[in-house]
C-alpha atoms as a PDB file:
ATOM      1  CA  UNK A   1     109.245  90.711 342.247  1.00  0.00           C
ATOM      2  CA  UNK A   2     108.667  87.985 339.931  1.00  0.00           C
ATOM      3  CA  UNK A   3     108.560  87.860 336.029  1.00  0.00           C
ATOM      4  CA  UNK A   4     106.040  86.275 333.514  1.00  0.00           C
ATOM      5  CA  UNK A   5     108.250  82.903 333.700  1.00  0.00           C
ATOM      6  CA  UNK A   6     107.280  82.464 337.395  1.00  0.00           C
ATOM      7  CA  UNK A   7     105.858  78.943 338.114  1.00  0.00           C
ATOM      8  CA  UNK A   8     102.434  78.451 339.736  1.00  0.00           C
ATOM      9  CA  UNK A   9     104.338  76.683 342.536  1.00  0.00           C
ATOM     10  CA  UNK A  10     106.412  79.654 343.432  1.00  0.00           C
ATOM     11  CA  UNK A  11     103.299  81.896 343.513  1.00  0.00           C
ATOM     12  CA  UNK A  12     101.399  79.451 345.851  1.00  0.00           C
ATOM     13  CA  UNK A  13     104.268  79.445 348.094  1.00  0.00           C
ATOM     14  CA  UNK A  14     104.506  83.288 348.236  1.00  0.00           C
ATOM     15  CA  UNK A  15     100.611  83.275 348.866  1.00  0.00           C
ATOM     16  CA  UNK A  16     101.084  81.219 351.978  1.00  0.00           C
ATOM     17  CA  UNK A  17     103.313  83.673 353.529  1.00  0.00           C
ATOM     18  CA  UNK A  18     100.300  86.088 354.545  1.00  0.00           C
ATOM     19  CA  UNK A  19     101.549  88.982 352.737  1.00  0.00           C
ATOM     20  CA  UNK A  20      99.679  91.257 350.539  1.00  0.00           C
ATOM     21  CA  UNK A  21     100.461  89.862 347.118  1.00  0.00           C
ATOM     22  CA  UNK A  22      99.652  91.354 343.718  1.00  0.00           C
ATOM     23  CA  UNK A  23     100.746  91.012 339.881  1.00  0.00           C
ATOM     24  CA  UNK A  24     102.661  94.101 338.805  1.00  0.00           C
ATOM     25  CA  UNK A  25     102.465  95.496 335.246  1.00  0.00           C
ATOM     26  CA  UNK A  26     104.600  98.849 334.405  1.00  0.00           C
ATOM     27  CA  UNK A  27     103.967 100.332 331.103  1.00  0.00           C
ATOM     28  CA  UNK A  28     104.919 103.997 331.509  1.00  0.00           C
ATOM     29  CA  UNK A  29     105.183 104.920 327.917  1.00  0.00           C
ATOM     30  CA  UNK A  30     103.623 104.229 324.608  1.00  0.00           C
ATOM     31  CA  UNK A  31     106.800 102.196 323.752  1.00  0.00           C
ATOM     32  CA  UNK A  32     106.533  99.924 326.483  1.00  0.00           C
ATOM     33  CA  UNK A  33     104.223  96.989 325.586  1.00  0.00           C
ATOM     34  CA  UNK A  34     100.859  96.545 327.147  1.00  0.00           C
ATOM     35  CA  UNK A  35     100.566  92.761 327.689  1.00  0.00           C
ATOM     36  CA  UNK A  36      97.705  91.273 325.349  1.00  0.00           C
ATOM     37  CA  UNK A  37      96.840  88.979 328.374  1.00  0.00           C
ATOM     38  CA  UNK A  38      97.878  88.747 331.949  1.00  0.00           C
ATOM     39  CA  UNK A  39     100.499  85.925 332.029  1.00  0.00           C
ATOM     40  CA  UNK A  40      98.859  82.460 333.042  1.00  0.00           C
ATOM     41  CA  UNK A  41     100.505  82.017 336.393  1.00  0.00           C
ATOM     42  CA  UNK A  42      99.290  85.487 337.295  1.00  0.00           C
ATOM     43  CA  UNK A  43      95.752  85.128 336.298  1.00  0.00           C
ATOM     44  CA  UNK A  44      95.465  81.580 338.076  1.00  0.00           C
ATOM     45  CA  UNK A  45      97.139  83.189 341.314  1.00  0.00           C
ATOM     46  CA  UNK A  46      94.821  86.115 341.044  1.00  0.00           C
ATOM     47  CA  UNK A  47      91.631  83.964 340.610  1.00  0.00           C
ATOM     48  CA  UNK A  48      92.576  81.628 343.350  1.00  0.00           C
ATOM     49  CA  UNK A  49      93.920  83.756 345.980  1.00  0.00           C
ATOM     50  CA  UNK A  50      92.171  87.269 345.387  1.00  0.00           C
ATOM     51  CA  UNK A  51      95.418  88.824 344.503  1.00  0.00           C
ATOM     52  CA  UNK A  52      94.900  92.171 342.479  1.00  0.00           C
ATOM     53  CA  UNK A  53      96.956  93.436 339.354  1.00  0.00           C
ATOM     54  CA  UNK A  54      98.831  96.578 340.020  1.00  0.00           C
ATOM     55  CA  UNK A  55      99.195  98.425 337.054  1.00  0.00           C
ATOM     56  CA  UNK A  56     101.534 101.288 336.581  1.00  0.00           C
ATOM     57  CA  UNK A  57     101.565 103.526 333.557  1.00  0.00           C
ATOM     58  CA  UNK A  58     101.466 107.134 332.452  1.00  0.00           C
ATOM     59  CA  UNK A  59      97.890 108.416 333.482  1.00  0.00           C
ATOM     60  CA  UNK A  60      97.768 110.320 330.181  1.00  0.00           C
ATOM     61  CA  UNK A  61      97.870 107.252 328.195  1.00  0.00           C
ATOM     62  CA  UNK A  62      94.443 106.044 330.284  1.00  0.00           C
ATOM     63  CA  UNK A  63      92.020 106.552 327.283  1.00  0.00           C
ATOM     64  CA  UNK A  64      94.248 104.584 324.753  1.00  0.00           C
ATOM     65  CA  UNK A  65      94.032 101.556 327.349  1.00  0.00           C
ATOM     66  CA  UNK A  66      90.867 101.966 328.975  1.00  0.00           C
ATOM     67  CA  UNK A  67      89.133  99.069 326.874  1.00  0.00           C
ATOM     68  CA  UNK A  68      92.035  96.660 327.363  1.00  0.00           C
ATOM     69  CA  UNK A  69      91.870  97.446 331.094  1.00  0.00           C
ATOM     70  CA  UNK A  70      88.235  97.097 331.311  1.00  0.00           C
ATOM     71  CA  UNK A  71      88.549  93.679 329.394  1.00  0.00           C
ATOM     72  CA  UNK A  72      91.097  92.041 332.163  1.00  0.00           C
ATOM     73  CA  UNK A  73      89.383  89.668 334.721  1.00  0.00           C
ATOM     74  CA  UNK A  74      89.829  90.703 338.582  1.00  0.00           C
ATOM     75  CA  UNK A  75      90.605  93.651 340.569  1.00  0.00           C
ATOM     76  CA  UNK A  76      93.203  96.180 339.210  1.00  0.00           C
ATOM     77  CA  UNK A  77      94.897  98.896 341.108  1.00  0.00           C
ATOM     78  CA  UNK A  78      96.079 101.873 339.006  1.00  0.00           C
ATOM     79  CA  UNK A  79      99.421 102.654 340.667  1.00  0.00           C
ATOM     80  CA  UNK A  80     100.452 106.320 341.779  1.00  0.00           C
ATOM     81  CA  UNK A  81      96.838 107.524 341.204  1.00  0.00           C
ATOM     82  CA  UNK A  82      97.183 107.136 337.503  1.00  0.00           C
ATOM     83  CA  UNK A  83     100.766 108.675 337.484  1.00  0.00           C
ATOM     84  CA  UNK A  84     100.316 111.427 335.102  1.00  0.00           C
ATOM     85  CA  UNK A  85     103.916 112.268 334.116  1.00  0.00           C
ATOM     86  CA  UNK A  86     103.533 115.591 332.972  1.00  0.00           C
ATOM     87  CA  UNK A  87     101.855 118.539 334.415  1.00  0.00           C
ATOM     88  CA  UNK A  88      98.173 118.035 333.636  1.00  0.00           C
ATOM     89  CA  UNK A  89      95.169 119.912 334.139  1.00  0.00           C
ATOM     90  CA  UNK A  90      92.507 118.228 336.409  1.00  0.00           C
ATOM     91  CA  UNK A  91      89.658 118.220 333.849  1.00  0.00           C
ATOM     92  CA  UNK A  92      91.191 116.193 331.158  1.00  0.00           C
ATOM     93  CA  UNK A  93      90.052 113.251 329.148  1.00  0.00           C
ATOM     94  CA  UNK A  94      92.579 110.962 330.760  1.00  0.00           C
ATOM     95  CA  UNK A  95      91.150 112.244 334.296  1.00  0.00           C
ATOM     96  CA  UNK A  96      87.767 111.455 333.101  1.00  0.00           C
ATOM     97  CA  UNK A  97      88.822 108.113 332.024  1.00  0.00           C
ATOM     98  CA  UNK A  98      90.543 107.291 335.407  1.00  0.00           C
ATOM     99  CA  UNK A  99      87.158 108.135 337.196  1.00  0.00           C
ATOM    100  CA  UNK A 100      85.031 105.952 334.910  1.00  0.00           C
ATOM    101  CA  UNK A 101      87.487 103.055 335.647  1.00  0.00           C
ATOM    102  CA  UNK A 102      87.411 103.663 339.232  1.00  0.00           C
ATOM    103  CA  UNK A 103      83.440 103.655 339.173  1.00  0.00           C
ATOM    104  CA  UNK A 104      83.588 100.279 337.625  1.00  0.00           C
ATOM    105  CA  UNK A 105      83.883  98.860 341.278  1.00  0.00           C
ATOM    106  CA  UNK A 106      86.763  96.735 340.441  1.00  0.00           C
ATOM    107  CA  UNK A 107      89.586  99.442 339.407  1.00  0.00           C
ATOM    108  CA  UNK A 108      90.915 101.640 342.034  1.00  0.00           C
END
């Protein structure tokens, strides 16, 4: 686990370990900041090595975050199948948003 201060060299060393690597962003509440941009070392590592960004958030917030998620480069994995934090009916705006993101072909 690394933070946004990790050096590019450290990420290169990690990439050479033959492990599945990803940059992870966790914003499970409205109070948690959604990064304006992925940190530079992550963007470079993802672009260079084909890493994905693993995004964890409360799935109920997907409609609020959809444009931001779509604007990010690369592949994005939405962790815990959207992680809807309270009981939720299946047919909701947030669930339909999750389906739209998955249909983009670079979010799963």
